[in-house]
């Protein structure tokens, strides 16, 4: 029996991608617009990494439409690859997920689709056996911020939510 396709108008999918070298590592972003979700793959390893489902809270959607300068509240959960909750990488990945969802909502307040985010980034975990100096900590924070800003810029280049 042939399958009926009732969603012909949902295809083809919209795909956008960009790449650049960030901190000496080839970094790729692929964004795909599905009818029910936005998939964003960000990788410095050429493969899928931790998967996070994130969405703007519905109550936040209503209130942030009223006050467009407010940041929307987001909910994120790891689907795959969750590390320890005290892991620097896990915490930073949650920041990426929340920021990207808020950015999408800020750029298009009518956008309500959740985001499935894949992150495979080279993030240095602190050495538990050595205490870094203040200068080393400051340098690592600068590198983390630089990576974050460059990745967010690449994601913006691949906008499918306009």
C-alpha atoms as a PDB file:
ATOM      1  CA  UNK A   1       0.000   0.000   0.000  1.00  0.00           C
ATOM      2  CA  UNK A   2       1.554   3.342  -1.005  1.00  0.00           C
ATOM      3  CA  UNK A   3       2.183   5.868   1.745  1.00  0.00           C
ATOM      4  CA  UNK A   4       0.340   9.127   1.416  1.00  0.00           C
ATOM      5  CA  UNK A   5       2.364  12.245   1.955  1.00  0.00           C
ATOM      6  CA  UNK A   6       0.188  14.910   3.488  1.00  0.00           C
ATOM      7  CA  UNK A   7       3.149  17.206   4.071  1.00  0.00           C
ATOM      8  CA  UNK A   8       4.343  17.951   0.543  1.00  0.00           C
ATOM      9  CA  UNK A   9       4.444  21.654   1.389  1.00  0.00           C
ATOM     10  CA  UNK A  10       6.988  21.016   4.173  1.00  0.00           C
ATOM     11  CA  UNK A  11       9.754  19.949   1.779  1.00  0.00           C
ATOM     12  CA  UNK A  12      12.342  20.719   0.685  1.00  0.00           C
ATOM     13  CA  UNK A  13      13.919  21.514   4.031  1.00  0.00           C
ATOM     14  CA  UNK A  14      15.798  24.766   4.369  1.00  0.00           C
ATOM     15  CA  UNK A  15      19.499  24.154   5.105  1.00  0.00           C
ATOM     16  CA  UNK A  16      22.185  26.741   5.669  1.00  0.00           C
ATOM     17  CA  UNK A  17      25.771  26.175   6.635  1.00  0.00           C
ATOM     18  CA  UNK A  18      28.914  28.126   7.365  1.00  0.00           C
ATOM     19  CA  UNK A  19      32.449  27.350   8.475  1.00  0.00           C
ATOM     20  CA  UNK A  20      35.542  29.159   9.681  1.00  0.00           C
ATOM     21  CA  UNK A  21      38.672  28.555  11.674  1.00  0.00           C
ATOM     22  CA  UNK A  22      38.211  29.522  15.318  1.00  0.00           C
ATOM     23  CA  UNK A  23      41.199  29.319  17.641  1.00  0.00           C
ATOM     24  CA  UNK A  24      43.019  27.191  15.088  1.00  0.00           C
ATOM     25  CA  UNK A  25      40.181  24.635  14.740  1.00  0.00           C
ATOM     26  CA  UNK A  26      37.922  24.183  11.729  1.00  0.00           C
ATOM     27  CA  UNK A  27      34.412  24.949  12.996  1.00  0.00           C
ATOM     28  CA  UNK A  28      31.242  24.098  11.081  1.00  0.00           C
ATOM     29  CA  UNK A  29      27.628  25.121  11.615  1.00  0.00           C
ATOM     30  CA  UNK A  30      24.671  23.523   9.864  1.00  0.00           C
ATOM     31  CA  UNK A  31      21.141  24.771  10.484  1.00  0.00           C
ATOM     32  CA  UNK A  32      18.103  22.903   9.187  1.00  0.00           C
ATOM     33  CA  UNK A  33      14.550  24.192   9.393  1.00  0.00           C
ATOM     34  CA  UNK A  34      11.971  21.459  10.008  1.00  0.00           C
ATOM     35  CA  UNK A  35       8.256  22.160  10.340  1.00  0.00           C
ATOM     36  CA  UNK A  36       8.299  21.389  14.067  1.00  0.00           C
ATOM     37  CA  UNK A  37      11.922  22.094  15.121  1.00  0.00           C
ATOM     38  CA  UNK A  38      15.126  23.856  14.195  1.00  0.00           C
ATOM     39  CA  UNK A  39      18.221  21.617  14.117  1.00  0.00           C
ATOM     40  CA  UNK A  40      21.572  23.298  14.695  1.00  0.00           C
ATOM     41  CA  UNK A  41      24.786  21.270  14.448  1.00  0.00           C
ATOM     42  CA  UNK A  42      27.964  22.985  15.647  1.00  0.00           C
ATOM     43  CA  UNK A  43      31.177  20.979  15.440  1.00  0.00           C
ATOM     44  CA  UNK A  44      34.916  21.345  15.646  1.00  0.00           C
ATOM     45  CA  UNK A  45      35.335  17.581  15.261  1.00  0.00           C
ATOM     46  CA  UNK A  46      33.371  16.934  12.048  1.00  0.00           C
ATOM     47  CA  UNK A  47      30.708  14.930  13.846  1.00  0.00           C
ATOM     48  CA  UNK A  48      27.592  15.226  15.974  1.00  0.00           C
ATOM     49  CA  UNK A  49      28.218  15.904  19.657  1.00  0.00           C
ATOM     50  CA  UNK A  50      26.011  16.348  22.695  1.00  0.00           C
ATOM     51  CA  UNK A  51      22.344  16.832  21.768  1.00  0.00           C
ATOM     52  CA  UNK A  52      20.299  19.392  23.674  1.00  0.00           C
ATOM     53  CA  UNK A  53      16.592  20.129  23.256  1.00  0.00           C
ATOM     54  CA  UNK A  54      15.838  23.731  24.175  1.00  0.00           C
ATOM     55  CA  UNK A  55      12.755  25.877  23.914  1.00  0.00           C
ATOM     56  CA  UNK A  56      11.478  29.251  24.961  1.00  0.00           C
ATOM     57  CA  UNK A  57       8.937  28.831  27.742  1.00  0.00           C
ATOM     58  CA  UNK A  58       5.401  29.533  26.521  1.00  0.00           C
ATOM     59  CA  UNK A  59       4.588  31.901  29.402  1.00  0.00           C
ATOM     60  CA  UNK A  60       7.793  33.752  28.640  1.00  0.00           C
ATOM     61  CA  UNK A  61       6.706  34.030  24.987  1.00  0.00           C
ATOM     62  CA  UNK A  62       3.554  35.895  25.930  1.00  0.00           C
ATOM     63  CA  UNK A  63       5.216  38.216  28.394  1.00  0.00           C
ATOM     64  CA  UNK A  64       8.280  38.924  26.238  1.00  0.00           C
ATOM     65  CA  UNK A  65       6.084  39.946  23.306  1.00  0.00           C
ATOM     66  CA  UNK A  66       4.711  42.621  25.609  1.00  0.00           C
ATOM     67  CA  UNK A  67       8.192  43.766  26.679  1.00  0.00           C
ATOM     68  CA  UNK A  68      10.462  43.072  23.723  1.00  0.00           C
ATOM     69  CA  UNK A  69      13.600  44.131  25.598  1.00  0.00           C
ATOM     70  CA  UNK A  70      13.258  41.272  28.122  1.00  0.00           C
ATOM     71  CA  UNK A  71      15.076  38.010  27.606  1.00  0.00           C
ATOM     72  CA  UNK A  72      12.853  35.007  27.180  1.00  0.00           C
ATOM     73  CA  UNK A  73      13.108  32.179  29.692  1.00  0.00           C
ATOM     74  CA  UNK A  74      14.292  28.895  28.217  1.00  0.00           C
ATOM     75  CA  UNK A  75      14.189  25.240  29.192  1.00  0.00           C
ATOM     76  CA  UNK A  76      16.987  22.943  28.063  1.00  0.00           C
ATOM     77  CA  UNK A  77      17.539  19.231  28.494  1.00  0.00           C
ATOM     78  CA  UNK A  78      20.296  16.961  27.263  1.00  0.00           C
ATOM     79  CA  UNK A  79      19.063  14.227  24.937  1.00  0.00           C
ATOM     80  CA  UNK A  80      22.510  12.653  24.496  1.00  0.00           C
ATOM     81  CA  UNK A  81      25.973  13.301  25.835  1.00  0.00           C
ATOM     82  CA  UNK A  82      25.199  15.012  29.119  1.00  0.00           C
ATOM     83  CA  UNK A  83      28.279  15.270  31.239  1.00  0.00           C
ATOM     84  CA  UNK A  84      28.484  15.886  34.925  1.00  0.00           C
ATOM     85  CA  UNK A  85      26.465  18.915  36.040  1.00  0.00           C
ATOM     86  CA  UNK A  86      29.668  20.372  37.478  1.00  0.00           C
ATOM     87  CA  UNK A  87      31.532  19.869  34.200  1.00  0.00           C
ATOM     88  CA  UNK A  88      32.593  23.139  32.591  1.00  0.00           C
ATOM     89  CA  UNK A  89      31.655  21.784  29.145  1.00  0.00           C
ATOM     90  CA  UNK A  90      28.134  20.801  30.296  1.00  0.00           C
ATOM     91  CA  UNK A  91      27.582  24.205  31.870  1.00  0.00           C
ATOM     92  CA  UNK A  92      28.860  26.048  28.791  1.00  0.00           C
ATOM     93  CA  UNK A  93      26.742  23.893  26.482  1.00  0.00           C
ATOM     94  CA  UNK A  94      23.676  24.906  28.513  1.00  0.00           C
ATOM     95  CA  UNK A  95      24.677  28.557  28.068  1.00  0.00           C
ATOM     96  CA  UNK A  96      25.003  28.028  24.300  1.00  0.00           C
ATOM     97  CA  UNK A  97      21.570  26.364  24.135  1.00  0.00           C
ATOM     98  CA  UNK A  98      19.837  29.056  26.163  1.00  0.00           C
ATOM     99  CA  UNK A  99      21.532  31.923  24.329  1.00  0.00           C
ATOM    100  CA  UNK A 100      20.766  30.524  20.867  1.00  0.00           C
ATOM    101  CA  UNK A 101      17.070  30.022  21.741  1.00  0.00           C
ATOM    102  CA  UNK A 102      16.858  33.529  23.183  1.00  0.00           C
ATOM    103  CA  UNK A 103      18.627  34.965  20.137  1.00  0.00           C
ATOM    104  CA  UNK A 104      16.219  33.249  17.743  1.00  0.00           C
ATOM    105  CA  UNK A 105      13.227  34.500  19.725  1.00  0.00           C
ATOM    106  CA  UNK A 106      14.674  38.023  19.896  1.00  0.00           C
ATOM    107  CA  UNK A 107      15.267  38.091  16.128  1.00  0.00           C
ATOM    108  CA  UNK A 108      11.818  36.651  15.373  1.00  0.00           C
ATOM    109  CA  UNK A 109       9.355  36.837  18.293  1.00  0.00           C
ATOM    110  CA  UNK A 110       6.830  34.805  16.258  1.00  0.00           C
ATOM    111  CA  UNK A 111       9.240  31.827  16.106  1.00  0.00           C
ATOM    112  CA  UNK A 112       8.000  29.165  18.525  1.00  0.00           C
ATOM    113  CA  UNK A 113       9.765  26.020  17.297  1.00  0.00           C
ATOM    114  CA  UNK A 114      12.111  24.384  19.794  1.00  0.00           C
ATOM    115  CA  UNK A 115      15.772  23.954  18.928  1.00  0.00           C
ATOM    116  CA  UNK A 116      17.659  20.674  18.851  1.00  0.00           C
ATOM    117  CA  UNK A 117      21.285  21.677  19.254  1.00  0.00           C
ATOM    118  CA  UNK A 118      24.293  19.443  18.651  1.00  0.00           C
ATOM    119  CA  UNK A 119      27.535  20.725  20.121  1.00  0.00           C
ATOM    120  CA  UNK A 120      30.974  19.190  19.613  1.00  0.00           C
ATOM    121  CA  UNK A 121      33.373  21.925  20.667  1.00  0.00           C
ATOM    122  CA  UNK A 122      36.925  21.871  21.952  1.00  0.00           C
ATOM    123  CA  UNK A 123      36.449  23.219  25.468  1.00  0.00           C
ATOM    124  CA  UNK A 124      39.254  22.751  27.960  1.00  0.00           C
ATOM    125  CA  UNK A 125      38.212  21.351  31.323  1.00  0.00           C
ATOM    126  CA  UNK A 126      40.238  22.732  34.248  1.00  0.00           C
ATOM    127  CA  UNK A 127      42.935  20.408  35.565  1.00  0.00           C
ATOM    128  CA  UNK A 128      41.654  19.108  38.909  1.00  0.00           C
ATOM    129  CA  UNK A 129      45.201  18.414  40.066  1.00  0.00           C
ATOM    130  CA  UNK A 130      46.571  21.897  39.415  1.00  0.00           C
ATOM    131  CA  UNK A 131      45.281  25.253  40.497  1.00  0.00           C
ATOM    132  CA  UNK A 132      45.563  27.688  37.592  1.00  0.00           C
ATOM    133  CA  UNK A 133      46.991  31.113  38.209  1.00  0.00           C
ATOM    134  CA  UNK A 134      44.729  34.157  37.967  1.00  0.00           C
ATOM    135  CA  UNK A 135      46.326  35.002  34.614  1.00  0.00           C
ATOM    136  CA  UNK A 136      45.664  31.471  33.295  1.00  0.00           C
ATOM    137  CA  UNK A 137      42.031  31.623  34.444  1.00  0.00           C
ATOM    138  CA  UNK A 138      41.588  35.021  32.801  1.00  0.00           C
ATOM    139  CA  UNK A 139      43.152  33.748  29.560  1.00  0.00           C
ATOM    140  CA  UNK A 140      40.878  30.667  29.564  1.00  0.00           C
ATOM    141  CA  UNK A 141      37.782  32.846  30.114  1.00  0.00           C
ATOM    142  CA  UNK A 142      38.889  35.037  27.213  1.00  0.00           C
ATOM    143  CA  UNK A 143      39.285  31.966  24.977  1.00  0.00           C
ATOM    144  CA  UNK A 144      35.870  30.610  26.037  1.00  0.00           C
ATOM    145  CA  UNK A 145      34.259  33.986  25.289  1.00  0.00           C
ATOM    146  CA  UNK A 146      36.014  34.261  21.928  1.00  0.00           C
ATOM    147  CA  UNK A 147      34.825  30.769  20.955  1.00  0.00           C
ATOM    148  CA  UNK A 148      31.286  31.594  22.095  1.00  0.00           C
ATOM    149  CA  UNK A 149      31.119  34.891  20.175  1.00  0.00           C
ATOM    150  CA  UNK A 150      32.489  33.339  16.980  1.00  0.00           C
ATOM    151  CA  UNK A 151      30.113  30.363  17.160  1.00  0.00           C
ATOM    152  CA  UNK A 152      27.114  32.645  17.746  1.00  0.00           C
ATOM    153  CA  UNK A 153      28.194  34.744  14.750  1.00  0.00           C
ATOM    154  CA  UNK A 154      28.331  31.599  12.580  1.00  0.00           C
ATOM    155  CA  UNK A 155      24.876  30.524  13.774  1.00  0.00           C
ATOM    156  CA  UNK A 156      23.540  33.978  12.851  1.00  0.00           C
ATOM    157  CA  UNK A 157      24.974  33.583   9.346  1.00  0.00           C
ATOM    158  CA  UNK A 158      22.814  30.463   8.994  1.00  0.00           C
ATOM    159  CA  UNK A 159      19.529  31.981  10.125  1.00  0.00           C
ATOM    160  CA  UNK A 160      16.436  30.037   8.991  1.00  0.00           C
ATOM    161  CA  UNK A 161      14.043  31.749  11.414  1.00  0.00           C
ATOM    162  CA  UNK A 162      13.671  35.136   9.742  1.00  0.00           C
END
